[in-house]
Amino acid sequence: MDAAERAQLVERHLDLARKCATLIHARCNQYVELEELVALANAGLAEAAASYQVGHGTAFSTWAWSQIQGSMLDGLRRSSNLPRRAWATLTALRAANDYLEHPGEPEAGATKR
């Protein structure tokens, strides 16, 4: 793919980046603005377009979704002064709390696609 094709790929999938940002924002809306997450998501979308290889059997939207999520989480981690291990501990504690509050239900933070 050349640069123009990658740019078109990004433009066609901007709604995917916004949707991903909206889902993450629902879990951290007290701490970060939606537009900040959208900016991180768009950066992840651009990275996904740069690293995507046609012909590997994966749709771009599938490939981009995980790249976008990773980019947003990395951006949030960078903006925090907590070390990565503390983030992992908080995530595990939040998941345990959700499970104890709603046993037998799907994970509260889980998203359906």
Protein backbone atom coordinates (compact mmCIF):
# COMPACT_ATOMS: atom_id res chain seq x y z
CA MET A 1 0.00 0.00 0.00
CA ASP A 2 1.22 3.49 -0.76
CA ALA A 3 0.75 6.56 1.44
CA ALA A 4 -2.42 7.71 -0.35
CA GLU A 5 -4.10 4.32 0.12
CA ARG A 6 -3.17 4.30 3.81
CA ALA A 7 -4.57 7.82 4.24
CA GLN A 8 -7.84 6.70 2.64
CA LEU A 9 -7.92 3.68 4.93
CA VAL A 10 -7.58 5.97 7.96
CA GLU A 11 -10.29 8.35 6.71
CA ARG A 12 -12.73 5.49 6.10
CA HIS A 13 -12.23 4.16 9.64
CA LEU A 14 -12.31 7.34 11.74
CA ASP A 15 -15.69 6.24 13.11
CA LEU A 16 -14.07 3.03 14.36
CA ALA A 17 -11.53 5.07 16.34
CA ARG A 18 -14.28 7.25 17.82
CA LYS A 19 -16.37 4.19 18.77
CA CYS A 20 -13.40 2.61 20.53
CA ALA A 21 -12.66 5.88 22.35
CA THR A 22 -16.31 6.15 23.43
CA LEU A 23 -16.26 2.65 24.90
CA ILE A 24 -13.06 3.34 26.87
CA HIS A 25 -14.37 6.76 27.93
CA ALA A 26 -17.39 5.13 29.57
CA ARG A 27 -15.01 3.47 32.05
CA CYS A 28 -12.82 6.50 32.80
CA ASN A 29 -14.98 9.54 32.05
CA GLN A 30 -14.22 11.12 35.42
CA TYR A 31 -10.52 11.31 34.64
CA VAL A 32 -10.12 12.02 30.93
CA GLU A 33 -11.98 13.95 28.24
CA LEU A 34 -13.49 12.08 25.31
CA GLU A 35 -11.64 14.23 22.79
CA GLU A 36 -8.30 13.31 24.37
CA LEU A 37 -9.17 9.64 23.92
CA VAL A 38 -10.30 10.29 20.34
CA ALA A 39 -6.92 11.89 19.60
CA LEU A 40 -5.12 8.86 21.04
CA ALA A 41 -7.45 6.57 19.08
CA ASN A 42 -6.76 8.42 15.83
CA ALA A 43 -3.02 8.06 16.45
CA GLY A 44 -3.54 4.34 16.96
CA LEU A 45 -5.57 4.18 13.76
CA ALA A 46 -2.73 5.82 11.84
CA GLU A 47 -0.25 3.35 13.36
CA ALA A 48 -2.54 0.47 12.41
CA ALA A 49 -2.73 1.70 8.82
CA ALA A 50 1.05 1.98 8.67
CA SER A 51 1.60 -1.58 9.91
CA TYR A 52 -1.33 -3.30 8.17
CA GLN A 53 -0.45 -5.86 5.52
CA VAL A 54 -3.05 -6.80 2.95
CA GLY A 55 -3.31 -10.51 2.27
CA HIS A 56 -2.71 -11.79 5.79
CA GLY A 57 -6.35 -12.80 6.15
CA THR A 58 -7.33 -10.17 8.70
CA ALA A 59 -9.76 -7.37 7.97
CA PHE A 60 -8.34 -3.92 8.59
CA SER A 61 -11.07 -3.07 11.11
CA THR A 62 -10.19 -6.14 13.17
CA TRP A 63 -6.48 -5.31 13.03
CA ALA A 64 -7.09 -1.64 13.80
CA TRP A 65 -9.39 -2.26 16.78
CA SER A 66 -6.67 -3.85 18.90
CA GLN A 67 -4.10 -1.29 17.75
CA ILE A 68 -6.43 1.58 18.66
CA GLN A 69 -7.17 0.16 22.11
CA GLY A 70 -3.48 -0.39 22.77
CA SER A 71 -2.62 3.13 21.69
CA MET A 72 -5.25 4.64 23.97
CA LEU A 73 -4.18 2.57 26.97
CA ASP A 74 -0.51 3.40 26.36
CA GLY A 75 -1.40 7.08 26.14
CA LEU A 76 -3.35 6.93 29.38
CA ARG A 77 -0.48 5.16 31.10
CA ARG A 78 2.00 7.75 29.85
CA SER A 79 -0.14 10.58 31.20
CA SER A 80 -0.29 8.97 34.64
CA ASN A 81 2.50 8.87 37.16
CA LEU A 82 1.59 5.33 38.20
CA PRO A 83 4.02 2.57 37.21
CA ARG A 84 2.81 -0.19 34.90
CA ARG A 85 2.65 -2.71 37.76
CA ALA A 86 0.30 -0.42 39.71
CA TRP A 87 -1.94 -0.15 36.63
CA ALA A 88 -2.06 -3.94 36.41
CA THR A 89 -2.94 -4.21 40.10
CA LEU A 90 -5.72 -1.63 39.78
CA THR A 91 -7.13 -3.39 36.73
CA ALA A 92 -7.14 -6.75 38.54
CA LEU A 93 -8.78 -5.21 41.61
CA ARG A 94 -11.44 -3.52 39.49
CA ALA A 95 -12.21 -6.79 37.69
CA ALA A 96 -12.45 -8.66 41.02
CA ASN A 97 -14.74 -5.96 42.41
CA ASP A 98 -17.00 -6.13 39.34
CA TYR A 99 -17.17 -9.90 39.62
CA LEU A 100 -18.03 -9.82 43.33
CA GLU A 101 -20.71 -7.19 42.80
CA HIS A 102 -22.27 -9.08 39.86
CA PRO A 103 -21.47 -12.80 40.15
CA GLY A 104 -22.46 -14.92 37.21
CA GLU A 105 -22.87 -11.94 34.86
CA PRO A 106 -20.55 -11.09 31.99
CA GLU A 107 -17.70 -8.80 32.92
CA ALA A 108 -19.10 -5.30 33.58
CA GLY A 109 -16.43 -3.60 31.48
CA ALA A 110 -16.63 -6.13 28.66
CA THR A 111 -17.71 -4.83 25.30
CA LYS A 112 -19.85 -6.64 22.78
CA ARG A 113 -18.90 -6.40 19.14
